[in-house]
Amino acid sequence: QVQLVESGGGLVQAGGSLRLSCAGSGDMVRVYEMGWYRQDPGKQRELVAATTSSGYINYVDSVKGRFTISRDSAKNIMYLQMNSLKPEDTAVYYCNAKSYRYGFDFWGQGTQVTVSS
């Protein structure tokens, strides 16, 4: 079992910045990939950024150059630094941890990010 708790969401004006945190606990040593997803009401949940324990990092095109994902494996915390925020970044942001080898996929409860124009 893995437990994930997000924090850091809030209301910010366009052009501003926020940093999201995801604190993991439980069987984190088995986690291979951690990522941030977001979902707006009425839309599908989409991958924002992901990082693997082998160092691979991936971003959705719309956030490249603005968002930075990082992971402190020693502390079991993942971050998403979000700069130059746009109204279209408004969504609930979810933390995800998965292992293909051990066959698990866990989600946090989500944190709301609202960007006003």
C-alpha atoms as a PDB file:
ATOM      1  CA  GLN A   1       0.000   0.000   0.000  1.00  0.00           C
ATOM      2  CA  VAL A   2       1.053   3.553  -0.761  1.00  0.00           C
ATOM      3  CA  GLN A   3      -0.540   6.681   0.652  1.00  0.00           C
ATOM      4  CA  LEU A   4      -0.178  10.021  -1.117  1.00  0.00           C
ATOM      5  CA  VAL A   5      -1.068  13.449   0.246  1.00  0.00           C
ATOM      6  CA  GLU A   6      -0.959  16.545  -1.934  1.00  0.00           C
ATOM      7  CA  SER A   7      -0.607  20.116  -0.725  1.00  0.00           C
ATOM      8  CA  GLY A   8       0.191  23.522  -2.103  1.00  0.00           C
ATOM      9  CA  GLY A   9      -2.807  24.262  -4.274  1.00  0.00           C
ATOM     10  CA  GLY A  10      -4.655  27.550  -4.153  1.00  0.00           C
ATOM     11  CA  LEU A  11      -5.769  30.635  -6.004  1.00  0.00           C
ATOM     12  CA  VAL A  12      -3.221  32.625  -7.986  1.00  0.00           C
ATOM     13  CA  GLN A  13      -3.333  35.296 -10.654  1.00  0.00           C
ATOM     14  CA  ALA A  14      -2.231  34.558 -14.193  1.00  0.00           C
ATOM     15  CA  GLY A  15       1.532  34.776 -14.461  1.00  0.00           C
ATOM     16  CA  GLY A  16       2.020  33.709 -10.876  1.00  0.00           C
ATOM     17  CA  SER A  17       3.593  30.613  -9.395  1.00  0.00           C
ATOM     18  CA  LEU A  18       2.665  27.737  -7.113  1.00  0.00           C
ATOM     19  CA  ARG A  19       4.531  24.722  -5.845  1.00  0.00           C
ATOM     20  CA  LEU A  20       2.644  21.496  -5.265  1.00  0.00           C
ATOM     21  CA  SER A  21       3.964  18.819  -2.948  1.00  0.00           C
ATOM     22  CA  CYS A  22       3.092  15.152  -2.733  1.00  0.00           C
ATOM     23  CA  ALA A  23       4.161  13.313   0.391  1.00  0.00           C
ATOM     24  CA  GLY A  24       4.270   9.552   0.042  1.00  0.00           C
ATOM     25  CA  SER A  25       4.230   6.889   2.718  1.00  0.00           C
ATOM     26  CA  GLY A  26       3.972   3.136   2.875  1.00  0.00           C
ATOM     27  CA  ASP A  27       5.649   0.895   0.310  1.00  0.00           C
ATOM     28  CA  MET A  28       7.352   3.752  -1.511  1.00  0.00           C
ATOM     29  CA  VAL A  29      10.488   1.708  -2.187  1.00  0.00           C
ATOM     30  CA  ARG A  30       8.514  -0.253  -4.808  1.00  0.00           C
ATOM     31  CA  VAL A  31       7.317   2.853  -6.638  1.00  0.00           C
ATOM     32  CA  TYR A  32       8.830   3.196 -10.096  1.00  0.00           C
ATOM     33  CA  GLU A  33       6.974   6.144 -11.549  1.00  0.00           C
ATOM     34  CA  MET A  34       5.456   9.188  -9.877  1.00  0.00           C
ATOM     35  CA  GLY A  35       3.489  11.793 -11.689  1.00  0.00           C
ATOM     36  CA  TRP A  36       1.156  14.742 -11.545  1.00  0.00           C
ATOM     37  CA  TYR A  37      -2.183  14.599 -13.347  1.00  0.00           C
ATOM     38  CA  ARG A  38      -4.934  17.188 -13.563  1.00  0.00           C
ATOM     39  CA  GLN A  39      -8.634  17.134 -14.225  1.00  0.00           C
ATOM     40  CA  ASP A  40     -11.111  19.854 -15.014  1.00  0.00           C
ATOM     41  CA  PRO A  41     -14.833  19.114 -14.543  1.00  0.00           C
ATOM     42  CA  GLY A  42     -16.206  17.472 -17.658  1.00  0.00           C
ATOM     43  CA  LYS A  43     -12.798  16.610 -19.007  1.00  0.00           C
ATOM     44  CA  GLN A  44     -10.584  13.558 -18.852  1.00  0.00           C
ATOM     45  CA  ARG A  45      -7.760  13.394 -16.373  1.00  0.00           C
ATOM     46  CA  GLU A  46      -4.516  14.202 -18.163  1.00  0.00           C
ATOM     47  CA  LEU A  47      -0.883  13.605 -17.372  1.00  0.00           C
ATOM     48  CA  VAL A  48       0.967  16.836 -16.585  1.00  0.00           C
ATOM     49  CA  ALA A  49       4.427  15.512 -15.712  1.00  0.00           C
ATOM     50  CA  ALA A  50       5.989  12.252 -14.621  1.00  0.00           C
ATOM     51  CA  THR A  51       9.329  11.053 -13.367  1.00  0.00           C
ATOM     52  CA  THR A  52      10.738   7.568 -12.918  1.00  0.00           C
ATOM     53  CA  SER A  53      13.267   6.158 -10.499  1.00  0.00           C
ATOM     54  CA  SER A  54      15.633   5.755 -13.458  1.00  0.00           C
ATOM     55  CA  GLY A  55      15.575   9.502 -14.040  1.00  0.00           C
ATOM     56  CA  TYR A  56      13.241   9.744 -17.004  1.00  0.00           C
ATOM     57  CA  ILE A  57      11.066  12.887 -17.007  1.00  0.00           C
ATOM     58  CA  ASN A  58       8.135  13.650 -19.245  1.00  0.00           C
ATOM     59  CA  TYR A  59       5.911  16.739 -19.587  1.00  0.00           C
ATOM     60  CA  VAL A  60       2.745  17.411 -21.500  1.00  0.00           C
ATOM     61  CA  ASP A  61       3.496  19.934 -24.241  1.00  0.00           C
ATOM     62  CA  SER A  62       1.303  22.660 -22.735  1.00  0.00           C
ATOM     63  CA  VAL A  63       3.465  22.958 -19.591  1.00  0.00           C
ATOM     64  CA  LYS A  64       6.938  22.538 -21.042  1.00  0.00           C
ATOM     65  CA  GLY A  65       9.180  25.408 -20.032  1.00  0.00           C
ATOM     66  CA  ARG A  66       6.784  26.486 -17.276  1.00  0.00           C
ATOM     67  CA  PHE A  67       6.477  23.505 -14.919  1.00  0.00           C
ATOM     68  CA  THR A  68       9.233  21.493 -13.284  1.00  0.00           C
ATOM     69  CA  ILE A  69       8.769  18.109 -11.627  1.00  0.00           C
ATOM     70  CA  SER A  70      11.212  16.876  -9.024  1.00  0.00           C
ATOM     71  CA  ARG A  71      11.389  14.009  -6.596  1.00  0.00           C
ATOM     72  CA  ASP A  72      13.254  13.659  -3.316  1.00  0.00           C
ATOM     73  CA  SER A  73      13.381   9.902  -2.938  1.00  0.00           C
ATOM     74  CA  ALA A  74      15.069  10.081   0.458  1.00  0.00           C
ATOM     75  CA  LYS A  75      12.126  12.051   1.864  1.00  0.00           C
ATOM     76  CA  ASN A  76       9.466  10.413  -0.339  1.00  0.00           C
ATOM     77  CA  ILE A  77       8.252  13.787  -1.572  1.00  0.00           C
ATOM     78  CA  MET A  78       7.515  14.872  -5.112  1.00  0.00           C
ATOM     79  CA  TYR A  79       7.125  18.476  -6.194  1.00  0.00           C
ATOM     80  CA  LEU A  80       5.632  20.336  -9.106  1.00  0.00           C
ATOM     81  CA  GLN A  81       6.922  23.883  -9.482  1.00  0.00           C
ATOM     82  CA  MET A  82       4.448  25.778 -11.630  1.00  0.00           C
ATOM     83  CA  ASN A  83       5.499  29.125 -13.079  1.00  0.00           C
ATOM     84  CA  SER A  84       3.842  31.494 -15.540  1.00  0.00           C
ATOM     85  CA  LEU A  85       0.483  30.014 -14.677  1.00  0.00           C
ATOM     86  CA  LYS A  86      -2.390  30.449 -17.109  1.00  0.00           C
ATOM     87  CA  PRO A  87      -6.164  30.271 -16.544  1.00  0.00           C
ATOM     88  CA  GLU A  88      -6.202  27.048 -18.563  1.00  0.00           C
ATOM     89  CA  ASP A  89      -4.017  25.451 -15.888  1.00  0.00           C
ATOM     90  CA  THR A  90      -7.007  25.592 -13.536  1.00  0.00           C
ATOM     91  CA  ALA A  91      -7.870  22.062 -12.427  1.00  0.00           C
ATOM     92  CA  VAL A  92      -7.676  19.594  -9.582  1.00  0.00           C
ATOM     93  CA  TYR A  93      -4.128  18.245  -9.512  1.00  0.00           C
ATOM     94  CA  TYR A  94      -3.565  14.653  -8.445  1.00  0.00           C
ATOM     95  CA  CYS A  95      -0.428  12.856  -7.371  1.00  0.00           C
ATOM     96  CA  ASN A  96       0.085   9.339  -8.704  1.00  0.00           C
ATOM     97  CA  ALA A  97       2.491   6.536  -7.841  1.00  0.00           C
ATOM     98  CA  LYS A  98       2.736   3.324  -9.781  1.00  0.00           C
ATOM     99  CA  SER A  99       4.795   0.201 -10.191  1.00  0.00           C
ATOM    100  CA  TYR A 100       4.528  -1.887 -13.336  1.00  0.00           C
ATOM    101  CA  ARG A 101       6.610  -4.663 -11.786  1.00  0.00           C
ATOM    102  CA  TYR A 102       4.451  -4.993  -8.675  1.00  0.00           C
ATOM    103  CA  GLY A 103       1.213  -4.029 -10.382  1.00  0.00           C
ATOM    104  CA  PHE A 104      -0.033  -1.121  -8.315  1.00  0.00           C
ATOM    105  CA  ASP A 105      -1.331   2.352  -9.060  1.00  0.00           C
ATOM    106  CA  PHE A 106      -2.208   4.785  -6.248  1.00  0.00           C
ATOM    107  CA  TRP A 107      -3.703   8.281  -6.231  1.00  0.00           C
ATOM    108  CA  GLY A 108      -3.793  11.164  -3.811  1.00  0.00           C
ATOM    109  CA  GLN A 109      -6.980  13.020  -2.954  1.00  0.00           C
ATOM    110  CA  GLY A 110      -6.181  15.986  -5.205  1.00  0.00           C
ATOM    111  CA  THR A 111      -5.522  19.660  -4.642  1.00  0.00           C
ATOM    112  CA  GLN A 112      -7.346  22.505  -6.387  1.00  0.00           C
ATOM    113  CA  VAL A 113      -5.358  24.988  -8.451  1.00  0.00           C
ATOM    114  CA  THR A 114      -7.264  28.035  -9.677  1.00  0.00           C
ATOM    115  CA  VAL A 115      -5.647  30.629 -11.920  1.00  0.00           C
ATOM    116  CA  SER A 116      -7.565  33.862 -12.359  1.00  0.00           C
ATOM    117  CA  SER A 117      -7.202  36.052 -15.432  1.00  0.00           C
END
